[in-house]
């Protein structure tokens, strides 16, 4: 491997709506060209790029005849159906001018919650990247209802970064990084250039959305960073309008905030990423108090004798949530038995043997270990 090859990265880039549209809510050709040109430069250097682009609703609602961004779900979905076509058409044209082909991938949370579909999305993205294509990913707002939404494209980008095992996640918006206090209220607020841990103070300081155009504020970006870091992926947060922000971000020279992964950072494998961030829990197990801490500390599997209560209906292989007696969420795991089999174990003393492994520690993700909610 040459020195140049060693420097090549797989990068997921997320850009917010306010960085893609004019102040009137229309697509800004100038903004699109600026970002697409910088992505093309990264491609020229040999990097693999996945582009998570917001802006479908913002780009389409004027064409729908709305004066302001719609608030009802049907109008949002109708606007997205128009805007998504406008976005991909513009991107394809600009990237082709640089000699690159763009593809469109529209997904919903349910595509990730099903493990087979999750793997299919990953395989598709890997083929596209290996062939030099630029996948442009967005949530399928046209058909997605609120309960199946990722919430915002910050979260989506972090999950996509884990999916493709990216080297870096770059989140661009109208904010030039994470500050020690709100720069809109405190003129002496300082930009944090390097962050190695998301502390409670950082989370407490994260506010709401900074733009009426988009849906993600600093809180959603911090949540996305936590998911990326748990997956072993460093993240950069910066301002989209800065010249050559993408090239500088990849090279470590950009103005903004770098969230660095360290040796102490939890690095989940693909299986545990799916369990933690994508699966939909189908039932619950309430476990003994003495088992609770040992799960995080000693990679402790859950056995039939550890279970005090079984809630819900599920089959073998389902993802279930693990709780303590106070209802505190401990984590998620893939269960080796159906709820009916587990009830029989609890009722039949002969079967309630510690050797009956209900959830293996390789299929268990603990919230105490990650310090962030899982299965949301």
Protein backbone atom coordinates (compact mmCIF):
# COMPACT_ATOMS: atom_id res chain seq x y z
CA UNK A 1 0.00 0.00 0.00
CA UNK A 2 1.41 3.39 -0.96
CA UNK A 3 1.43 6.45 1.30
CA UNK A 4 -1.36 7.95 -0.84
CA UNK A 5 -3.48 4.80 -0.49
CA UNK A 6 -2.97 4.89 3.27
CA UNK A 7 -4.47 8.38 3.40
CA UNK A 8 -7.61 7.47 1.49
CA UNK A 9 -10.73 7.58 3.61
CA UNK A 10 -14.33 6.48 3.47
CA UNK A 11 -16.22 9.60 4.50
CA UNK A 12 -19.92 10.22 5.17
CA UNK A 13 -20.88 13.87 4.65
CA UNK A 14 -24.15 15.30 5.93
CA UNK A 15 -25.39 18.73 4.90
CA UNK A 16 -28.43 20.42 6.42
CA UNK A 17 -31.32 22.10 4.61
CA UNK A 18 -30.28 25.63 5.49
CA UNK A 19 -26.93 25.01 3.78
CA UNK A 20 -28.61 23.97 0.53
CA UNK A 21 -31.45 26.44 0.06
CA UNK A 22 -31.86 30.18 -0.35
CA UNK A 23 -33.48 32.34 2.31
CA UNK A 24 -36.74 31.94 0.36
CA UNK A 25 -36.61 28.15 0.70
CA UNK A 26 -35.70 27.40 -2.92
CA UNK A 27 -32.73 25.27 -3.97
CA UNK A 28 -29.61 27.43 -4.14
CA UNK A 29 -27.68 26.34 -7.20
CA UNK A 30 -24.65 28.23 -5.92
CA UNK A 31 -24.66 26.34 -2.60
CA UNK A 32 -25.15 22.99 -4.30
CA UNK A 33 -22.29 23.64 -6.72
CA UNK A 34 -19.97 24.75 -3.92
CA UNK A 35 -20.50 21.53 -1.94
CA UNK A 36 -20.56 19.25 -4.98
CA UNK A 37 -17.31 20.78 -6.27
CA UNK A 38 -15.63 20.09 -2.93
CA UNK A 39 -16.95 16.52 -2.88
CA UNK A 40 -15.57 16.03 -6.41
CA UNK A 41 -12.17 17.26 -5.20
CA UNK A 42 -12.22 14.63 -2.45
CA UNK A 43 -13.12 12.01 -5.04
CA UNK A 44 -10.21 13.17 -7.20
CA UNK A 45 -7.93 12.51 -4.22
CA UNK A 46 -9.19 8.93 -4.01
CA UNK A 47 -11.60 9.20 -1.07
CA UNK A 48 -14.91 7.31 -1.03
CA UNK A 49 -17.87 9.56 -0.28
CA UNK A 50 -21.43 8.95 0.91
CA UNK A 51 -23.46 12.17 0.80
CA UNK A 52 -26.42 12.47 3.19
CA UNK A 53 -28.39 15.42 1.90
CA UNK A 54 -31.33 17.14 3.52
CA UNK A 55 -33.48 19.68 1.70
CA UNK A 56 -36.25 17.72 -0.05
CA UNK A 57 -39.14 19.43 1.75
CA UNK A 58 -37.43 22.83 1.70
CA UNK A 59 -36.71 22.48 -2.01
CA UNK A 60 -40.20 21.38 -2.97
CA UNK A 61 -42.76 23.28 -0.93
CA UNK A 62 -42.68 26.41 -3.09
CA UNK A 63 -43.33 24.31 -6.19
CA UNK A 64 -46.27 22.79 -4.32
CA UNK A 65 -47.77 26.24 -4.01
CA UNK A 66 -47.06 26.78 -0.32
CA UNK A 67 -45.90 30.21 0.77
CA UNK A 68 -44.25 28.87 3.92
CA UNK A 69 -42.79 25.49 4.86
CA UNK A 70 -45.79 23.20 5.45
CA UNK A 71 -46.56 21.75 8.86
CA UNK A 72 -49.06 19.01 8.00
CA UNK A 73 -47.66 15.56 7.21
CA UNK A 74 -49.44 15.14 3.81
CA UNK A 75 -48.14 18.52 2.59
CA UNK A 76 -44.62 17.75 3.82
CA UNK A 77 -44.69 14.43 1.99
CA UNK A 78 -46.03 16.03 -1.18
CA UNK A 79 -43.36 18.74 -1.02
CA UNK A 80 -40.67 16.08 -0.49
CA UNK A 81 -41.83 14.17 -3.56
CA UNK A 82 -41.18 17.30 -5.64
CA UNK A 83 -38.05 18.47 -3.89
CA UNK A 84 -36.27 15.11 -3.89
CA UNK A 85 -36.45 14.97 -7.67
CA UNK A 86 -35.14 18.51 -7.97
CA UNK A 87 -32.24 17.74 -5.62
CA UNK A 88 -31.08 14.54 -7.31
CA UNK A 89 -31.40 16.12 -10.76
CA UNK A 90 -29.20 19.04 -9.71
CA UNK A 91 -26.65 16.83 -7.98
CA UNK A 92 -26.43 14.39 -10.89
CA UNK A 93 -25.82 17.20 -13.35
CA UNK A 94 -23.09 18.81 -11.24
CA UNK A 95 -21.28 15.55 -10.44
CA UNK A 96 -21.41 14.44 -14.07
CA UNK A 97 -19.65 17.66 -15.02
CA UNK A 98 -16.77 16.41 -12.84
CA UNK A 99 -16.89 12.93 -14.34
CA UNK A 100 -18.70 11.22 -11.45
CA UNK A 101 -22.00 9.34 -11.33
CA UNK A 102 -24.39 9.94 -8.44
CA UNK A 103 -27.01 7.49 -7.20
CA UNK A 104 -30.05 8.04 -5.01
CA UNK A 105 -30.91 5.99 -1.92
CA UNK A 106 -34.11 6.84 -0.06
CA UNK A 107 -34.58 4.92 3.17
CA UNK A 108 -36.83 4.78 6.22
CA UNK A 109 -36.15 3.68 9.77
CA UNK A 110 -37.95 0.41 9.06
CA UNK A 111 -35.30 -0.38 6.41
CA UNK A 112 -32.77 -0.38 9.24
CA UNK A 113 -34.90 -2.11 11.88
CA UNK A 114 -35.16 -5.28 9.75
CA UNK A 115 -31.74 -6.98 9.84
CA UNK A 116 -32.03 -8.42 6.32
CA UNK A 117 -32.95 -5.05 4.81
CA UNK A 118 -30.21 -3.43 6.89
CA UNK A 119 -27.67 -5.80 5.36
CA UNK A 120 -29.11 -5.20 1.89
CA UNK A 121 -28.64 -1.43 2.25
CA UNK A 122 -25.06 -1.97 3.41
CA UNK A 123 -24.30 -4.30 0.49
CA UNK A 124 -25.76 -1.82 -2.01
CA UNK A 125 -23.74 1.06 -0.59
CA UNK A 126 -20.55 -1.00 -0.63
CA UNK A 127 -21.02 -1.92 -4.29
CA UNK A 128 -21.64 1.72 -5.22
CA UNK A 129 -18.56 2.90 -3.33
CA UNK A 130 -16.37 0.19 -4.81
CA UNK A 131 -17.49 1.26 -8.31
CA UNK A 132 -16.66 4.92 -7.65
CA UNK A 133 -20.29 6.09 -7.46
CA UNK A 134 -21.40 8.87 -5.10
CA UNK A 135 -24.45 7.61 -3.16
CA UNK A 136 -26.78 10.43 -2.15
CA UNK A 137 -28.83 9.33 0.85
CA UNK A 138 -31.94 10.91 2.30
CA UNK A 139 -34.85 9.77 4.39
CA UNK A 140 -37.84 8.83 2.25
CA UNK A 141 -40.02 11.67 3.55
CA UNK A 142 -42.68 10.97 0.94
CA UNK A 143 -43.83 7.77 2.68
CA UNK A 144 -42.40 8.03 6.20
CA UNK A 145 -44.70 8.66 9.15
CA UNK A 146 -43.39 10.24 12.35
CA UNK A 147 -43.15 7.00 14.32
CA UNK A 148 -40.88 5.50 11.63
CA UNK A 149 -38.65 8.53 11.15
CA UNK A 150 -34.99 8.70 12.11
CA UNK A 151 -35.87 12.10 13.57
CA UNK A 152 -33.40 14.11 11.51
CA UNK A 153 -30.60 13.57 9.02
CA UNK A 154 -27.93 14.09 11.68
CA UNK A 155 -29.01 10.80 13.24
CA UNK A 156 -29.38 9.19 9.82
CA UNK A 157 -25.85 10.21 8.82
CA UNK A 158 -24.35 8.70 11.98
CA UNK A 159 -26.19 5.44 11.38
CA UNK A 160 -25.10 5.37 7.72
CA UNK A 161 -21.51 6.03 8.82
CA UNK A 162 -21.65 2.99 11.07
CA UNK A 163 -23.35 0.96 8.37
CA UNK A 164 -20.53 1.50 5.83
CA UNK A 165 -17.77 1.47 8.49
CA UNK A 166 -16.71 5.00 7.58
CA UNK A 167 -13.41 6.50 8.69
CA UNK A 168 -14.99 9.88 9.32
CA UNK A 169 -18.38 11.57 9.61
CA UNK A 170 -18.62 15.23 8.59
CA UNK A 171 -21.72 17.20 9.60
CA UNK A 172 -22.07 20.61 7.97
CA UNK A 173 -24.71 23.22 8.82
CA UNK A 174 -24.98 26.93 9.54
CA UNK A 175 -23.10 26.36 12.82
CA UNK A 176 -19.30 26.46 12.79
CA UNK A 177 -18.79 24.00 15.63
CA UNK A 178 -19.50 23.28 19.28
CA UNK A 179 -19.00 26.15 21.74
CA UNK A 180 -18.60 26.13 25.51
CA UNK A 181 -21.76 28.28 25.64
CA UNK A 182 -24.34 29.62 23.20
CA UNK A 183 -22.47 32.08 20.91
CA UNK A 184 -25.77 33.78 20.05
CA UNK A 185 -26.14 34.80 23.68
CA UNK A 186 -22.53 35.02 24.85
CA UNK A 187 -20.06 37.01 22.75
CA UNK A 188 -17.16 35.43 24.63
CA UNK A 189 -18.20 31.86 23.89
CA UNK A 190 -15.21 29.76 22.81
CA UNK A 191 -15.16 27.22 20.01
CA UNK A 192 -14.18 23.75 21.22
CA UNK A 193 -11.71 22.50 18.62
CA UNK A 194 -11.19 19.00 20.04
CA UNK A 195 -13.65 16.90 22.04
CA UNK A 196 -12.79 13.41 23.30
CA UNK A 197 -15.88 12.72 25.40
CA UNK A 198 -19.49 13.87 25.37
CA UNK A 199 -19.90 15.06 28.94
CA UNK A 200 -23.17 15.87 30.72
CA UNK A 201 -22.17 19.54 30.51
CA UNK A 202 -21.91 19.33 26.73
CA UNK A 203 -25.30 17.65 26.49
CA UNK A 204 -26.89 20.18 28.79
CA UNK A 205 -25.56 23.04 26.68
CA UNK A 206 -26.95 21.64 23.43
CA UNK A 207 -30.01 23.70 22.44
CA UNK A 208 -32.77 23.37 19.85
CA UNK A 209 -32.84 23.92 16.12
CA UNK A 210 -30.97 26.97 14.92
CA UNK A 211 -32.86 27.32 11.65
CA UNK A 212 -36.50 27.38 10.62
CA UNK A 213 -35.55 25.52 7.44
CA UNK A 214 -34.12 22.37 8.97
CA UNK A 215 -35.08 19.98 11.76
CA UNK A 216 -31.75 19.35 13.49
CA UNK A 217 -30.17 21.60 16.12
CA UNK A 218 -27.06 21.12 18.23
CA UNK A 219 -28.75 18.48 20.39
CA UNK A 220 -29.41 16.26 17.37
CA UNK A 221 -25.80 16.72 16.27
CA UNK A 222 -24.49 15.70 19.69
CA UNK A 223 -26.76 12.64 19.63
CA UNK A 224 -25.38 11.78 16.18
CA UNK A 225 -21.80 12.22 17.38
CA UNK A 226 -22.46 9.83 20.28
CA UNK A 227 -23.73 7.17 17.88
CA UNK A 228 -20.74 7.66 15.57
CA UNK A 229 -18.21 7.56 18.40
CA UNK A 230 -19.80 4.40 19.84
CA UNK A 231 -19.23 2.90 16.39
CA UNK A 232 -15.56 3.95 16.45
CA UNK A 233 -15.99 6.83 13.99
CA UNK A 234 -14.50 10.30 14.52
CA UNK A 235 -16.77 13.22 13.62
CA UNK A 236 -16.26 16.79 12.45
CA UNK A 237 -18.82 19.55 12.91
CA UNK A 238 -18.40 22.71 10.86
CA UNK A 239 -19.98 25.46 8.77
CA UNK A 240 -20.94 24.65 5.20
CA UNK A 241 -20.19 28.11 3.77
CA UNK A 242 -16.48 28.09 4.67
CA UNK A 243 -14.29 27.73 1.58
CA UNK A 244 -12.89 24.20 1.09
CA UNK A 245 -14.45 23.10 4.38
CA UNK A 246 -14.67 19.47 3.26
CA UNK A 247 -11.07 19.13 2.10
CA UNK A 248 -9.79 20.80 5.25
CA UNK A 249 -12.07 18.68 7.45
CA UNK A 250 -10.72 15.45 5.98
CA UNK A 251 -7.12 16.68 6.38
CA UNK A 252 -7.69 17.84 9.95
CA UNK A 253 -7.16 21.54 9.22
CA UNK A 254 -10.70 22.94 9.22
CA UNK A 255 -12.24 25.45 11.58
CA UNK A 256 -14.83 23.60 13.58
CA UNK A 257 -15.01 20.86 16.19
CA UNK A 258 -13.33 17.47 15.89
CA UNK A 259 -14.85 14.72 18.02
CA UNK A 260 -12.01 12.24 18.34
CA UNK A 261 -12.25 8.53 19.03
CA UNK A 262 -9.75 7.23 21.59
CA UNK A 263 -8.68 3.81 22.81
CA UNK A 264 -11.25 4.14 25.61
CA UNK A 265 -14.09 4.77 23.14
CA UNK A 266 -16.58 1.93 22.75
CA UNK A 267 -16.29 0.46 19.24
CA UNK A 268 -19.33 -1.68 18.41
CA UNK A 269 -19.15 -4.27 15.67
CA UNK A 270 -21.77 -4.35 12.91
CA UNK A 271 -23.99 -6.81 14.77
CA UNK A 272 -24.04 -4.74 17.96
CA UNK A 273 -24.56 -1.51 15.99
CA UNK A 274 -27.69 -3.01 14.49
CA UNK A 275 -28.93 -4.18 17.89
CA UNK A 276 -28.18 -0.85 19.58
CA UNK A 277 -29.27 1.72 17.04
CA UNK A 278 -31.57 0.13 14.49
CA UNK A 279 -33.54 -2.83 15.81
CA UNK A 280 -37.05 -2.55 17.17
CA UNK A 281 -37.42 -4.34 20.54
CA UNK A 282 -40.34 -6.78 20.55
CA UNK A 283 -40.51 -7.62 24.24
CA UNK A 284 -38.91 -7.17 27.65
CA UNK A 285 -37.01 -9.18 30.22
CA UNK A 286 -36.82 -8.01 33.84
CA UNK A 287 -33.63 -9.33 35.44
CA UNK A 288 -32.27 -9.77 38.97
CA UNK A 289 -30.57 -6.76 40.52
CA UNK A 290 -27.29 -8.58 41.14
CA UNK A 291 -26.90 -9.30 37.40
CA UNK A 292 -27.34 -5.67 36.36
CA UNK A 293 -23.82 -4.32 36.91
CA UNK A 294 -22.02 -7.52 35.94
CA UNK A 295 -23.51 -7.27 32.42
CA UNK A 296 -21.49 -4.12 31.69
CA UNK A 297 -18.44 -4.99 33.80
CA UNK A 298 -17.83 -8.63 32.95
CA UNK A 299 -19.47 -9.32 29.58
CA UNK A 300 -22.04 -11.38 31.42
CA UNK A 301 -24.59 -13.34 29.42
CA UNK A 302 -28.18 -13.53 30.65
CA UNK A 303 -29.34 -16.94 31.86
CA UNK A 304 -32.76 -18.29 32.65
CA UNK A 305 -32.09 -18.03 36.39
CA UNK A 306 -31.39 -14.29 36.00
CA UNK A 307 -34.89 -13.51 34.71
CA UNK A 308 -37.70 -12.51 37.07
CA UNK A 309 -40.31 -11.44 34.51
CA UNK A 310 -41.09 -11.84 30.80
CA UNK A 311 -43.18 -9.19 29.03
CA UNK A 312 -44.60 -9.28 25.51
CA UNK A 313 -44.76 -11.85 22.76
CA UNK A 314 -41.67 -12.66 20.72
CA UNK A 315 -39.98 -15.51 18.91
CA UNK A 316 -36.45 -16.89 19.13
CA UNK A 317 -34.04 -14.45 17.50
CA UNK A 318 -36.05 -11.33 18.34
CA UNK A 319 -34.46 -8.27 19.93
CA UNK A 320 -35.75 -7.64 23.44
CA UNK A 321 -35.24 -4.84 25.95
CA UNK A 322 -33.65 -5.67 29.30
CA UNK A 323 -34.92 -3.85 32.40
CA UNK A 324 -34.35 -3.89 36.15
CA UNK A 325 -37.11 -4.00 38.75
CA UNK A 326 -37.38 -0.20 38.82
CA UNK A 327 -37.99 -0.13 35.07
CA UNK A 328 -34.56 1.30 34.29
CA UNK A 329 -33.40 0.30 30.83
CA UNK A 330 -30.22 -1.80 30.94
CA UNK A 331 -29.85 -2.63 27.26
CA UNK A 332 -30.95 -4.71 24.30
CA UNK A 333 -30.19 -8.27 23.26
CA UNK A 334 -31.06 -11.02 20.81
CA UNK A 335 -33.00 -13.68 22.67
CA UNK A 336 -32.41 -17.40 22.17
CA UNK A 337 -35.93 -18.45 23.17
CA UNK A 338 -39.50 -17.36 22.56
CA UNK A 339 -41.52 -15.75 25.36
CA UNK A 340 -43.49 -19.00 25.73
CA UNK A 341 -40.30 -21.06 26.17
CA UNK A 342 -38.98 -18.59 28.73
CA UNK A 343 -42.20 -18.74 30.73
CA UNK A 344 -41.96 -22.53 30.76
CA UNK A 345 -38.38 -22.29 32.05
CA UNK A 346 -39.47 -20.03 34.89
CA UNK A 347 -42.37 -22.32 35.82
CA UNK A 348 -40.39 -25.53 35.52
CA UNK A 349 -37.68 -25.64 38.16
CA UNK A 350 -35.89 -28.43 36.34
CA UNK A 351 -35.46 -26.33 33.24
CA UNK A 352 -34.52 -23.18 35.15
CA UNK A 353 -30.85 -24.03 34.97
CA UNK A 354 -28.09 -21.44 34.81
CA UNK A 355 -26.77 -23.23 31.73
CA UNK A 356 -29.84 -22.14 29.79
CA UNK A 357 -28.31 -19.11 28.08
CA UNK A 358 -31.09 -16.71 27.11
CA UNK A 359 -28.98 -13.84 25.68
CA UNK A 360 -25.30 -14.33 24.83
CA UNK A 361 -23.04 -11.39 25.68
CA UNK A 362 -21.98 -11.16 22.01
CA UNK A 363 -25.62 -10.34 21.21
CA UNK A 364 -26.08 -7.91 24.12
CA UNK A 365 -25.62 -4.12 24.14
CA UNK A 366 -25.61 -2.40 27.50
CA UNK A 367 -26.74 1.22 27.94
CA UNK A 368 -24.51 1.56 31.00
CA UNK A 369 -21.51 0.64 28.86
CA UNK A 370 -22.37 3.10 26.07
CA UNK A 371 -23.71 5.95 28.21
CA UNK A 372 -26.44 6.59 25.64
CA UNK A 373 -29.94 5.23 24.99
CA UNK A 374 -30.23 2.26 22.65
CA UNK A 375 -33.16 0.95 20.67
CA UNK A 376 -34.76 4.39 20.30
